[in-house]
Amino acid sequence: MNYLLITILLIICAVIYIRLAQKFNIVDNPNFRSSHTIPTIRGGGILFYMAVALFFMLSDFKYPYFFIGISSIALISFIDDIETLSAKVRLPFQFFAIALVVYQTGLFDSSILIIISLLIVGVGFINLYNFMDGINGITGLYSLVVLSGFLLLNYNNQIVETNLLYYSILSIGVFGYYNFRKKARMFAGDIGSITLAMLVLFLGLLFLFKLEAPVIILLMLVYGLDSVLTIAYRIYLKEHIMQPHRHHIYQKLVDVKKWSHLQVSGMYAGIQLVVNVLVLVTYKLPISEQMGIVVVCIVLGVLGYVWLFKMLKITKVKMLNENLK
């Protein structure tokens, strides 16, 4: 009954937000780099924040520093969805939010070098997660698989309050009704992708250090490989990495192979699901063995990325040659 009520509340929030977005023109109009072709409501990922807020209020204010951090970054991200903000404005809020997440996990007792590293990695992670939100269904489906992995780990280890995961998964389900379709009714926006990134980061740090299991980082393998390797490629091309582009593998699969958004999103989620199974059966192994598994998975992932990138490049050249004929 509790989860049914939460779902109903989230549905009501979605309906209200759609009406407000229409009234105030919070709409994403397609441009040359877009993967959509019709005006679509943006900022629908506010549902993910609402799920976290409901959990916070109904859990007697559990994880207060995490909630303050995710609230501050959700607010600035929502403003960015409405009116684009410069990195100079966003970054201070992001570092502040990540600092609160690190504090909530208890890692502020670490050395200053580790704390600084976590802050930099954390800010990089949430921005990379945001970069990957470019086609219908990808952020929702992928995050659903990632959170499900944490949920299964949590059953046996009780690292985090389970309702935080359940409420977030329910919010993805409600959002999916409007987004997991050929022509999406709404996009997650920065507030959605960055809120989910904050949640995944918080969970990742908790599970990684409490379980002392390096393989936990593989729960973000697919997004991590595509985003990091794409940035490396853009640096090679001497492009500004903060400028819009169409170099991600998921974008090329849509543009070159003409796969549907949901096919590509399903592929990403499916690969991550297989990796999740590997994590679930190996996280209790000795650390040395886990490190070996992490290295092997990353190497195989890089090789797979490079192979797929080359195949897509060859296909694109063939298409161009055929068009010239």
C-alpha atoms as a PDB file:
ATOM      1  CA  MET A   1       0.000   0.000   0.000  1.00  0.00           C
ATOM      2  CA  ASN A   2       2.874   2.353   0.804  1.00  0.00           C
ATOM      3  CA  TYR A   3       4.428   1.892  -2.641  1.00  0.00           C
ATOM      4  CA  LEU A   4       1.035   2.278  -4.324  1.00  0.00           C
ATOM      5  CA  LEU A   5       0.535   5.631  -2.581  1.00  0.00           C
ATOM      6  CA  ILE A   6       4.025   6.758  -3.561  1.00  0.00           C
ATOM      7  CA  THR A   7       3.321   5.803  -7.176  1.00  0.00           C
ATOM      8  CA  ILE A   8       0.047   7.763  -7.139  1.00  0.00           C
ATOM      9  CA  LEU A   9       1.806  10.812  -5.694  1.00  0.00           C
ATOM     10  CA  LEU A  10       4.467  10.613  -8.389  1.00  0.00           C
ATOM     11  CA  ILE A  11       1.826  10.332 -11.113  1.00  0.00           C
ATOM     12  CA  ILE A  12       0.086  13.423  -9.728  1.00  0.00           C
ATOM     13  CA  CYS A  13       3.433  15.258  -9.709  1.00  0.00           C
ATOM     14  CA  ALA A  14       3.989  14.256 -13.343  1.00  0.00           C
ATOM     15  CA  VAL A  15       0.578  15.528 -14.460  1.00  0.00           C
ATOM     16  CA  ILE A  16       1.021  18.814 -12.587  1.00  0.00           C
ATOM     17  CA  TYR A  17       4.510  19.324 -13.966  1.00  0.00           C
ATOM     18  CA  ILE A  18       3.406  18.693 -17.564  1.00  0.00           C
ATOM     19  CA  ARG A  19       0.744  21.379 -17.238  1.00  0.00           C
ATOM     20  CA  LEU A  20       3.153  23.849 -15.645  1.00  0.00           C
ATOM     21  CA  ALA A  21       5.822  23.127 -18.274  1.00  0.00           C
ATOM     22  CA  GLN A  22       3.324  23.765 -21.042  1.00  0.00           C
ATOM     23  CA  LYS A  23       2.173  26.989 -19.413  1.00  0.00           C
ATOM     24  CA  PHE A  24       5.682  28.348 -18.889  1.00  0.00           C
ATOM     25  CA  ASN A  25       7.113  26.937 -22.138  1.00  0.00           C
ATOM     26  CA  ILE A  26       9.686  24.639 -20.527  1.00  0.00           C
ATOM     27  CA  VAL A  27      10.103  22.876 -23.840  1.00  0.00           C
ATOM     28  CA  ASP A  28      13.089  21.426 -25.687  1.00  0.00           C
ATOM     29  CA  ASN A  29      12.915  22.446 -29.353  1.00  0.00           C
ATOM     30  CA  PRO A  30      14.926  20.244 -31.762  1.00  0.00           C
ATOM     31  CA  ASN A  31      18.140  21.553 -33.342  1.00  0.00           C
ATOM     32  CA  PHE A  32      20.971  20.177 -35.497  1.00  0.00           C
ATOM     33  CA  ARG A  33      22.428  18.028 -32.701  1.00  0.00           C
ATOM     34  CA  SER A  34      19.108  16.749 -31.335  1.00  0.00           C
ATOM     35  CA  SER A  35      17.964  13.146 -31.531  1.00  0.00           C
ATOM     36  CA  HIS A  36      14.303  14.209 -31.356  1.00  0.00           C
ATOM     37  CA  THR A  37      12.224  15.887 -34.052  1.00  0.00           C
ATOM     38  CA  ILE A  38       9.314  17.473 -32.168  1.00  0.00           C
ATOM     39  CA  PRO A  39       9.141  19.967 -29.265  1.00  0.00           C
ATOM     40  CA  THR A  40       9.255  18.003 -26.000  1.00  0.00           C
ATOM     41  CA  ILE A  41       8.794  18.996 -22.361  1.00  0.00           C
ATOM     42  CA  ARG A  42      12.102  19.046 -20.516  1.00  0.00           C
ATOM     43  CA  GLY A  43      12.815  18.776 -16.812  1.00  0.00           C
ATOM     44  CA  GLY A  44      10.595  15.704 -16.352  1.00  0.00           C
ATOM     45  CA  GLY A  45      13.378  14.242 -14.235  1.00  0.00           C
ATOM     46  CA  ILE A  46      12.039  16.390 -11.408  1.00  0.00           C
ATOM     47  CA  LEU A  47      10.159  13.174 -10.577  1.00  0.00           C
ATOM     48  CA  PHE A  48      13.448  11.568  -9.516  1.00  0.00           C
ATOM     49  CA  TYR A  49      14.077  14.415  -7.090  1.00  0.00           C
ATOM     50  CA  MET A  50      10.492  14.175  -5.793  1.00  0.00           C
ATOM     51  CA  ALA A  51      11.097  10.491  -5.040  1.00  0.00           C
ATOM     52  CA  VAL A  52      14.191  11.346  -2.993  1.00  0.00           C
ATOM     53  CA  ALA A  53      12.293  14.150  -1.222  1.00  0.00           C
ATOM     54  CA  LEU A  54       9.414  11.797  -0.356  1.00  0.00           C
ATOM     55  CA  PHE A  55      11.897   9.273   1.012  1.00  0.00           C
ATOM     56  CA  PHE A  56      13.587  11.977   3.102  1.00  0.00           C
ATOM     57  CA  MET A  57      10.308  13.123   4.649  1.00  0.00           C
ATOM     58  CA  LEU A  58       8.910   9.633   5.251  1.00  0.00           C
ATOM     59  CA  SER A  59      12.139   8.184   6.690  1.00  0.00           C
ATOM     60  CA  ASP A  60      12.409  10.688   9.557  1.00  0.00           C
ATOM     61  CA  PHE A  61      14.924  12.747   7.557  1.00  0.00           C
ATOM     62  CA  LYS A  62      17.434  10.008   6.780  1.00  0.00           C
ATOM     63  CA  TYR A  63      20.718  11.064   5.109  1.00  0.00           C
ATOM     64  CA  PRO A  64      20.276  14.848   5.649  1.00  0.00           C
ATOM     65  CA  TYR A  65      23.591  15.924   4.101  1.00  0.00           C
ATOM     66  CA  PHE A  66      22.919  13.859   1.002  1.00  0.00           C
ATOM     67  CA  PHE A  67      19.458  15.409   0.748  1.00  0.00           C
ATOM     68  CA  ILE A  68      20.768  18.960   1.099  1.00  0.00           C
ATOM     69  CA  GLY A  69      23.391  18.232  -1.549  1.00  0.00           C
ATOM     70  CA  ILE A  70      20.985  16.679  -4.038  1.00  0.00           C
ATOM     71  CA  SER A  71      18.454  19.477  -3.393  1.00  0.00           C
ATOM     72  CA  SER A  72      20.974  22.221  -4.133  1.00  0.00           C
ATOM     73  CA  ILE A  73      22.185  20.607  -7.324  1.00  0.00           C
ATOM     74  CA  ALA A  74      18.638  19.740  -8.435  1.00  0.00           C
ATOM     75  CA  LEU A  75      17.665  23.392  -8.054  1.00  0.00           C
ATOM     76  CA  ILE A  76      20.586  24.745 -10.068  1.00  0.00           C
ATOM     77  CA  SER A  77      20.096  22.014 -12.691  1.00  0.00           C
ATOM     78  CA  PHE A  78      16.411  22.881 -13.054  1.00  0.00           C
ATOM     79  CA  ILE A  79      17.306  26.542 -13.509  1.00  0.00           C
ATOM     80  CA  ASP A  80      19.815  25.412 -16.147  1.00  0.00           C
ATOM     81  CA  ASP A  81      16.993  23.531 -17.909  1.00  0.00           C
ATOM     82  CA  ILE A  82      14.977  26.743 -18.082  1.00  0.00           C
ATOM     83  CA  GLU A  83      17.784  29.169 -18.857  1.00  0.00           C
ATOM     84  CA  THR A  84      21.263  27.918 -19.749  1.00  0.00           C
ATOM     85  CA  LEU A  85      23.851  28.696 -17.072  1.00  0.00           C
ATOM     86  CA  SER A  86      27.590  28.927 -17.525  1.00  0.00           C
ATOM     87  CA  ALA A  87      29.953  26.368 -16.030  1.00  0.00           C
ATOM     88  CA  LYS A  88      31.224  29.092 -13.677  1.00  0.00           C
ATOM     89  CA  VAL A  89      27.785  29.186 -12.080  1.00  0.00           C
ATOM     90  CA  ARG A  90      27.134  25.428 -12.052  1.00  0.00           C
ATOM     91  CA  LEU A  91      30.500  24.154 -10.807  1.00  0.00           C
ATOM     92  CA  PRO A  92      30.454  25.724  -7.309  1.00  0.00           C
ATOM     93  CA  PHE A  93      27.056  24.134  -6.658  1.00  0.00           C
ATOM     94  CA  GLN A  94      28.298  20.809  -7.980  1.00  0.00           C
ATOM     95  CA  PHE A  95      31.397  20.788  -5.769  1.00  0.00           C
ATOM     96  CA  PHE A  96      29.270  21.803  -2.774  1.00  0.00           C
ATOM     97  CA  ALA A  97      26.792  18.993  -3.455  1.00  0.00           C
ATOM     98  CA  ILE A  98      29.505  16.377  -3.951  1.00  0.00           C
ATOM     99  CA  ALA A  99      31.228  17.511  -0.736  1.00  0.00           C
ATOM    100  CA  LEU A 100      27.985  16.881   1.181  1.00  0.00           C
ATOM    101  CA  VAL A 101      27.639  13.438  -0.404  1.00  0.00           C
ATOM    102  CA  VAL A 102      31.197  12.543   0.568  1.00  0.00           C
ATOM    103  CA  TYR A 103      30.535  13.820   4.097  1.00  0.00           C
ATOM    104  CA  GLN A 104      27.337  11.755   4.342  1.00  0.00           C
ATOM    105  CA  THR A 105      29.215   8.586   3.430  1.00  0.00           C
ATOM    106  CA  GLY A 106      31.719   9.207   6.227  1.00  0.00           C
ATOM    107  CA  LEU A 107      34.662   9.584   3.872  1.00  0.00           C
ATOM    108  CA  PHE A 108      35.568  13.057   5.130  1.00  0.00           C
ATOM    109  CA  ASP A 109      37.682  11.254   7.722  1.00  0.00           C
ATOM    110  CA  SER A 110      40.052  10.257   4.902  1.00  0.00           C
ATOM    111  CA  SER A 111      43.222  12.092   3.942  1.00  0.00           C
ATOM    112  CA  ILE A 112      42.923  15.469   2.225  1.00  0.00           C
ATOM    113  CA  LEU A 113      44.285  13.931  -0.978  1.00  0.00           C
ATOM    114  CA  ILE A 114      41.515  11.304  -1.049  1.00  0.00           C
ATOM    115  CA  ILE A 115      38.847  13.917  -0.304  1.00  0.00           C
ATOM    116  CA  ILE A 116      40.029  16.193  -3.116  1.00  0.00           C
ATOM    117  CA  SER A 117      40.178  13.223  -5.484  1.00  0.00           C
ATOM    118  CA  LEU A 118      36.634  12.204  -4.562  1.00  0.00           C
ATOM    119  CA  LEU A 119      35.367  15.747  -5.142  1.00  0.00           C
ATOM    120  CA  ILE A 120      36.958  15.941  -8.597  1.00  0.00           C
ATOM    121  CA  VAL A 121      35.855  12.446  -9.591  1.00  0.00           C
ATOM    122  CA  GLY A 122      32.353  13.115  -8.246  1.00  0.00           C
ATOM    123  CA  VAL A 123      31.886  16.319 -10.230  1.00  0.00           C
ATOM    124  CA  GLY A 124      33.269  14.606 -13.322  1.00  0.00           C
ATOM    125  CA  PHE A 125      30.942  11.642 -12.829  1.00  0.00           C
ATOM    126  CA  ILE A 126      27.706  13.626 -12.586  1.00  0.00           C
ATOM    127  CA  ASN A 127      28.617  15.630 -15.688  1.00  0.00           C
ATOM    128  CA  LEU A 128      29.493  12.488 -17.650  1.00  0.00           C
ATOM    129  CA  TYR A 129      26.190  10.941 -16.603  1.00  0.00           C
ATOM    130  CA  ASN A 130      24.456  14.066 -17.860  1.00  0.00           C
ATOM    131  CA  PHE A 131      26.292  13.890 -21.211  1.00  0.00           C
ATOM    132  CA  MET A 132      24.846  10.423 -21.792  1.00  0.00           C
ATOM    133  CA  ASP A 133      21.240  11.617 -21.607  1.00  0.00           C
ATOM    134  CA  GLY A 134      20.639  12.173 -25.313  1.00  0.00           C
ATOM    135  CA  ILE A 135      17.972   9.765 -26.599  1.00  0.00           C
ATOM    136  CA  ASN A 136      14.591   8.496 -25.433  1.00  0.00           C
ATOM    137  CA  GLY A 137      14.778   5.904 -22.693  1.00  0.00           C
ATOM    138  CA  ILE A 138      18.537   5.727 -22.196  1.00  0.00           C
ATOM    139  CA  THR A 139      18.863   7.463 -18.828  1.00  0.00           C
ATOM    140  CA  GLY A 140      15.745   5.843 -17.392  1.00  0.00           C
ATOM    141  CA  LEU A 141      16.441   2.280 -18.554  1.00  0.00           C
ATOM    142  CA  TYR A 142      20.131   2.413 -17.733  1.00  0.00           C
ATOM    143  CA  SER A 143      19.544   3.918 -14.284  1.00  0.00           C
ATOM    144  CA  LEU A 144      16.833   1.337 -13.626  1.00  0.00           C
ATOM    145  CA  VAL A 145      19.354  -1.440 -14.239  1.00  0.00           C
ATOM    146  CA  VAL A 146      22.010   0.245 -12.092  1.00  0.00           C
ATOM    147  CA  LEU A 147      19.628   0.862  -9.172  1.00  0.00           C
ATOM    148  CA  SER A 148      18.344  -2.713  -9.438  1.00  0.00           C
ATOM    149  CA  GLY A 149      21.922  -3.903  -9.052  1.00  0.00           C
ATOM    150  CA  PHE A 150      22.304  -1.881  -5.861  1.00  0.00           C
ATOM    151  CA  LEU A 151      18.926  -3.156  -4.648  1.00  0.00           C
ATOM    152  CA  LEU A 152      19.971  -6.799  -5.033  1.00  0.00           C
ATOM    153  CA  LEU A 153      23.264  -6.129  -3.261  1.00  0.00           C
ATOM    154  CA  ASN A 154      21.374  -4.401  -0.491  1.00  0.00           C
ATOM    155  CA  TYR A 155      19.149  -7.398   0.213  1.00  0.00           C
ATOM    156  CA  ASN A 156      22.039  -9.323   1.714  1.00  0.00           C
ATOM    157  CA  ASN A 157      24.071  -6.442   3.116  1.00  0.00           C
ATOM    158  CA  GLN A 158      21.655  -3.681   4.237  1.00  0.00           C
ATOM    159  CA  ILE A 159      24.008  -0.871   3.305  1.00  0.00           C
ATOM    160  CA  VAL A 160      21.310   1.717   2.631  1.00  0.00           C
ATOM    161  CA  GLU A 161      17.651   2.280   3.540  1.00  0.00           C
ATOM    162  CA  THR A 162      15.812   0.152   0.965  1.00  0.00           C
ATOM    163  CA  ASN A 163      12.984   2.622   0.364  1.00  0.00           C
ATOM    164  CA  LEU A 164      15.429   5.113  -1.142  1.00  0.00           C
ATOM    165  CA  LEU A 165      15.951   2.580  -3.923  1.00  0.00           C
ATOM    166  CA  TYR A 166      12.298   1.562  -4.208  1.00  0.00           C
ATOM    167  CA  TYR A 167      10.988   5.132  -4.413  1.00  0.00           C
ATOM    168  CA  SER A 168      13.610   6.057  -7.006  1.00  0.00           C
ATOM    169  CA  ILE A 169      12.786   2.997  -9.109  1.00  0.00           C
ATOM    170  CA  LEU A 170       9.079   3.865  -8.940  1.00  0.00           C
ATOM    171  CA  SER A 171       9.846   7.400 -10.124  1.00  0.00           C
ATOM    172  CA  ILE A 172      11.714   5.990 -13.117  1.00  0.00           C
ATOM    173  CA  GLY A 173       8.692   3.846 -13.905  1.00  0.00           C
ATOM    174  CA  VAL A 174       6.347   6.845 -13.878  1.00  0.00           C
ATOM    175  CA  PHE A 175       8.792   8.914 -15.918  1.00  0.00           C
ATOM    176  CA  GLY A 176       9.176   6.015 -18.326  1.00  0.00           C
ATOM    177  CA  TYR A 177       5.512   6.177 -19.236  1.00  0.00           C
ATOM    178  CA  TYR A 178       6.196   9.568 -20.811  1.00  0.00           C
ATOM    179  CA  ASN A 179       9.717   8.909 -22.050  1.00  0.00           C
ATOM    180  CA  PHE A 180      10.075   5.238 -23.054  1.00  0.00           C
ATOM    181  CA  ARG A 181       8.386   5.680 -26.422  1.00  0.00           C
ATOM    182  CA  LYS A 182       9.178   6.528 -30.036  1.00  0.00           C
ATOM    183  CA  LYS A 183       8.156  10.163 -29.567  1.00  0.00           C
ATOM    184  CA  ALA A 184       8.792  11.095 -25.950  1.00  0.00           C
ATOM    185  CA  ARG A 185       6.304  13.272 -24.084  1.00  0.00           C
ATOM    186  CA  MET A 186       9.025  14.571 -21.768  1.00  0.00           C
ATOM    187  CA  PHE A 187      12.784  14.496 -21.275  1.00  0.00           C
ATOM    188  CA  ALA A 188      14.603  14.126 -17.971  1.00  0.00           C
ATOM    189  CA  GLY A 189      16.578  17.327 -18.466  1.00  0.00           C
ATOM    190  CA  ASP A 190      19.628  18.228 -16.407  1.00  0.00           C
ATOM    191  CA  ILE A 191      17.617  18.000 -13.201  1.00  0.00           C
ATOM    192  CA  GLY A 192      16.813  14.381 -14.024  1.00  0.00           C
ATOM    193  CA  SER A 193      20.150  13.056 -15.219  1.00  0.00           C
ATOM    194  CA  ILE A 194      22.168  14.887 -12.571  1.00  0.00           C
ATOM    195  CA  THR A 195      19.788  13.900  -9.755  1.00  0.00           C
ATOM    196  CA  LEU A 196      20.127  10.250 -10.778  1.00  0.00           C
ATOM    197  CA  ALA A 197      23.886  10.684 -11.077  1.00  0.00           C
ATOM    198  CA  MET A 198      24.018  12.056  -7.523  1.00  0.00           C
ATOM    199  CA  LEU A 199      21.990   9.112  -6.270  1.00  0.00           C
ATOM    200  CA  VAL A 200      24.171   6.572  -8.091  1.00  0.00           C
ATOM    201  CA  LEU A 201      27.324   8.303  -6.813  1.00  0.00           C
ATOM    202  CA  PHE A 202      26.047   8.259  -3.226  1.00  0.00           C
ATOM    203  CA  LEU A 203      25.142   4.579  -3.462  1.00  0.00           C
ATOM    204  CA  GLY A 204      28.372   3.715  -5.236  1.00  0.00           C
ATOM    205  CA  LEU A 205      30.540   5.294  -2.546  1.00  0.00           C
ATOM    206  CA  LEU A 206      28.562   3.677   0.271  1.00  0.00           C
ATOM    207  CA  PHE A 207      28.658   0.191  -1.235  1.00  0.00           C
ATOM    208  CA  LEU A 208      32.240   0.448  -2.483  1.00  0.00           C
ATOM    209  CA  PHE A 209      33.766   1.365   0.847  1.00  0.00           C
ATOM    210  CA  LYS A 210      31.454  -0.519   3.208  1.00  0.00           C
ATOM    211  CA  LEU A 211      31.706  -3.751   1.270  1.00  0.00           C
ATOM    212  CA  GLU A 212      35.347  -3.106   0.318  1.00  0.00           C
ATOM    213  CA  ALA A 213      34.482  -4.467  -3.111  1.00  0.00           C
ATOM    214  CA  PRO A 214      36.218  -2.827  -6.119  1.00  0.00           C
ATOM    215  CA  VAL A 215      33.893  -4.581  -8.575  1.00  0.00           C
ATOM    216  CA  ILE A 216      31.132  -2.176  -7.479  1.00  0.00           C
ATOM    217  CA  ILE A 217      32.514   0.387  -9.929  1.00  0.00           C
ATOM    218  CA  LEU A 218      31.494  -1.981 -12.751  1.00  0.00           C
ATOM    219  CA  LEU A 219      27.871  -1.087 -11.998  1.00  0.00           C
ATOM    220  CA  MET A 220      28.584   2.085 -14.012  1.00  0.00           C
ATOM    221  CA  LEU A 221      30.804   0.444 -16.654  1.00  0.00           C
ATOM    222  CA  VAL A 222      28.812   1.071 -19.852  1.00  0.00           C
ATOM    223  CA  TYR A 223      28.117   4.765 -19.247  1.00  0.00           C
ATOM    224  CA  GLY A 224      31.650   5.242 -17.992  1.00  0.00           C
ATOM    225  CA  LEU A 225      33.293   3.736 -21.073  1.00  0.00           C
ATOM    226  CA  ASP A 226      31.177   5.596 -23.618  1.00  0.00           C
ATOM    227  CA  SER A 227      31.508   8.969 -21.901  1.00  0.00           C
ATOM    228  CA  VAL A 228      35.220   8.812 -21.028  1.00  0.00           C
ATOM    229  CA  LEU A 229      36.346   7.375 -24.383  1.00  0.00           C
ATOM    230  CA  THR A 230      34.205   9.866 -26.280  1.00  0.00           C
ATOM    231  CA  ILE A 231      35.845  12.712 -24.378  1.00  0.00           C
ATOM    232  CA  ALA A 232      39.257  11.239 -25.216  1.00  0.00           C
ATOM    233  CA  TYR A 233      38.266  11.129 -28.895  1.00  0.00           C
ATOM    234  CA  ARG A 234      37.102  14.740 -28.805  1.00  0.00           C
ATOM    235  CA  ILE A 235      40.361  15.817 -27.212  1.00  0.00           C
ATOM    236  CA  TYR A 236      42.141  13.992 -30.044  1.00  0.00           C
ATOM    237  CA  LEU A 237      40.043  16.007 -32.508  1.00  0.00           C
ATOM    238  CA  LYS A 238      40.925  19.166 -30.547  1.00  0.00           C
ATOM    239  CA  GLU A 239      37.257  19.914 -29.901  1.00  0.00           C
ATOM    240  CA  HIS A 240      35.946  21.788 -26.881  1.00  0.00           C
ATOM    241  CA  ILE A 241      34.576  18.971 -24.711  1.00  0.00           C
ATOM    242  CA  MET A 242      31.785  21.141 -23.290  1.00  0.00           C
ATOM    243  CA  GLN A 243      30.365  21.983 -26.720  1.00  0.00           C
ATOM    244  CA  PRO A 244      27.482  19.981 -28.306  1.00  0.00           C
ATOM    245  CA  HIS A 245      28.475  17.023 -30.481  1.00  0.00           C
ATOM    246  CA  ARG A 246      27.309  13.734 -32.025  1.00  0.00           C
ATOM    247  CA  HIS A 247      30.267  11.472 -31.207  1.00  0.00           C
ATOM    248  CA  HIS A 248      28.811   9.151 -28.560  1.00  0.00           C
ATOM    249  CA  ILE A 249      28.327   5.566 -29.686  1.00  0.00           C
ATOM    250  CA  TYR A 250      24.635   5.722 -28.823  1.00  0.00           C
ATOM    251  CA  GLN A 251      24.261   8.779 -31.075  1.00  0.00           C
ATOM    252  CA  LYS A 252      26.093   7.063 -33.938  1.00  0.00           C
ATOM    253  CA  LEU A 253      23.911   3.974 -33.632  1.00  0.00           C
ATOM    254  CA  VAL A 254      20.879   6.220 -34.127  1.00  0.00           C
ATOM    255  CA  ASP A 255      22.407   8.421 -36.844  1.00  0.00           C
ATOM    256  CA  VAL A 256      24.395   5.843 -38.818  1.00  0.00           C
ATOM    257  CA  LYS A 257      22.755   2.469 -38.166  1.00  0.00           C
ATOM    258  CA  LYS A 258      19.291   4.033 -37.937  1.00  0.00           C
ATOM    259  CA  TRP A 259      18.432   2.072 -34.822  1.00  0.00           C
ATOM    260  CA  SER A 260      15.460   3.353 -32.858  1.00  0.00           C
ATOM    261  CA  HIS A 261      16.089   5.189 -29.592  1.00  0.00           C
ATOM    262  CA  LEU A 262      14.589   2.374 -27.551  1.00  0.00           C
ATOM    263  CA  GLN A 263      16.688  -0.267 -29.338  1.00  0.00           C
ATOM    264  CA  VAL A 264      19.866   1.599 -28.445  1.00  0.00           C
ATOM    265  CA  SER A 265      18.693   2.316 -24.898  1.00  0.00           C
ATOM    266  CA  GLY A 266      17.775  -1.347 -24.495  1.00  0.00           C
ATOM    267  CA  MET A 267      21.204  -2.429 -25.725  1.00  0.00           C
ATOM    268  CA  TYR A 268      23.003  -0.201 -23.213  1.00  0.00           C
ATOM    269  CA  ALA A 269      20.774  -1.384 -20.378  1.00  0.00           C
ATOM    270  CA  GLY A 270      21.130  -5.007 -21.482  1.00  0.00           C
ATOM    271  CA  ILE A 271      24.935  -4.927 -21.524  1.00  0.00           C
ATOM    272  CA  GLN A 272      24.986  -3.293 -18.100  1.00  0.00           C
ATOM    273  CA  LEU A 273      22.579  -5.945 -16.812  1.00  0.00           C
ATOM    274  CA  VAL A 274      25.046  -8.676 -17.819  1.00  0.00           C
ATOM    275  CA  VAL A 275      27.832  -6.794 -16.031  1.00  0.00           C
ATOM    276  CA  ASN A 276      25.589  -6.460 -12.957  1.00  0.00           C
ATOM    277  CA  VAL A 277      25.247 -10.234 -12.784  1.00  0.00           C
ATOM    278  CA  LEU A 278      29.041 -10.507 -12.818  1.00  0.00           C
ATOM    279  CA  VAL A 279      29.266  -8.006  -9.951  1.00  0.00           C
ATOM    280  CA  LEU A 280      26.682  -9.896  -7.903  1.00  0.00           C
ATOM    281  CA  VAL A 281      28.582 -13.196  -8.161  1.00  0.00           C
ATOM    282  CA  THR A 282      32.080 -11.773  -7.571  1.00  0.00           C
ATOM    283  CA  TYR A 283      31.793  -8.991  -4.970  1.00  0.00           C
ATOM    284  CA  LYS A 284      32.750 -11.338  -2.128  1.00  0.00           C
ATOM    285  CA  LEU A 285      35.928 -12.588  -3.806  1.00  0.00           C
ATOM    286  CA  PRO A 286      39.355 -11.493  -2.532  1.00  0.00           C
ATOM    287  CA  ILE A 287      40.185  -7.899  -3.494  1.00  0.00           C
ATOM    288  CA  SER A 288      43.071  -8.971  -5.722  1.00  0.00           C
ATOM    289  CA  GLU A 289      40.746 -11.161  -7.785  1.00  0.00           C
ATOM    290  CA  GLN A 290      38.147  -8.394  -7.959  1.00  0.00           C
ATOM    291  CA  MET A 291      40.766  -5.955  -9.239  1.00  0.00           C
ATOM    292  CA  GLY A 292      41.679  -8.428 -11.944  1.00  0.00           C
ATOM    293  CA  ILE A 293      38.017  -8.703 -12.965  1.00  0.00           C
ATOM    294  CA  VAL A 294      37.713  -4.904 -13.092  1.00  0.00           C
ATOM    295  CA  VAL A 295      40.793  -4.586 -15.301  1.00  0.00           C
ATOM    296  CA  VAL A 296      39.639  -7.349 -17.661  1.00  0.00           C
ATOM    297  CA  CYS A 297      36.147  -5.819 -17.988  1.00  0.00           C
ATOM    298  CA  ILE A 298      37.544  -2.366 -18.706  1.00  0.00           C
ATOM    299  CA  VAL A 299      40.009  -3.707 -21.302  1.00  0.00           C
ATOM    300  CA  LEU A 300      37.282  -5.735 -23.019  1.00  0.00           C
ATOM    301  CA  GLY A 301      34.993  -2.715 -22.892  1.00  0.00           C
ATOM    302  CA  VAL A 302      37.608  -0.465 -24.487  1.00  0.00           C
ATOM    303  CA  LEU A 303      38.288  -3.016 -27.232  1.00  0.00           C
ATOM    304  CA  GLY A 304      34.562  -3.366 -27.860  1.00  0.00           C
ATOM    305  CA  TYR A 305      34.152   0.400 -28.034  1.00  0.00           C
ATOM    306  CA  VAL A 306      37.015   0.796 -30.496  1.00  0.00           C
ATOM    307  CA  TRP A 307      35.713  -2.037 -32.706  1.00  0.00           C
ATOM    308  CA  LEU A 308      32.176  -0.638 -32.740  1.00  0.00           C
ATOM    309  CA  PHE A 309      33.458   2.889 -33.371  1.00  0.00           C
ATOM    310  CA  LYS A 310      35.442   1.710 -36.406  1.00  0.00           C
ATOM    311  CA  MET A 311      32.524  -0.304 -37.775  1.00  0.00           C
ATOM    312  CA  LEU A 312      30.227   2.701 -37.487  1.00  0.00           C
ATOM    313  CA  LYS A 313      32.835   4.911 -39.164  1.00  0.00           C
ATOM    314  CA  ILE A 314      33.156   2.477 -42.091  1.00  0.00           C
ATOM    315  CA  THR A 315      29.354   2.339 -42.403  1.00  0.00           C
ATOM    316  CA  LYS A 316      29.143   6.123 -42.436  1.00  0.00           C
ATOM    317  CA  VAL A 317      31.772   6.368 -45.201  1.00  0.00           C
ATOM    318  CA  LYS A 318      29.873   3.812 -47.292  1.00  0.00           C
ATOM    319  CA  MET A 319      26.672   5.790 -46.828  1.00  0.00           C
ATOM    320  CA  LEU A 320      28.387   9.000 -47.943  1.00  0.00           C
ATOM    321  CA  ASN A 321      29.835   7.298 -51.021  1.00  0.00           C
ATOM    322  CA  GLU A 322      26.443   5.905 -51.978  1.00  0.00           C
ATOM    323  CA  ASN A 323      24.860   9.344 -51.610  1.00  0.00           C
ATOM    324  CA  LEU A 324      27.544  10.863 -53.879  1.00  0.00           C
ATOM    325  CA  LYS A 325      26.731   8.281 -56.568  1.00  0.00           C
END
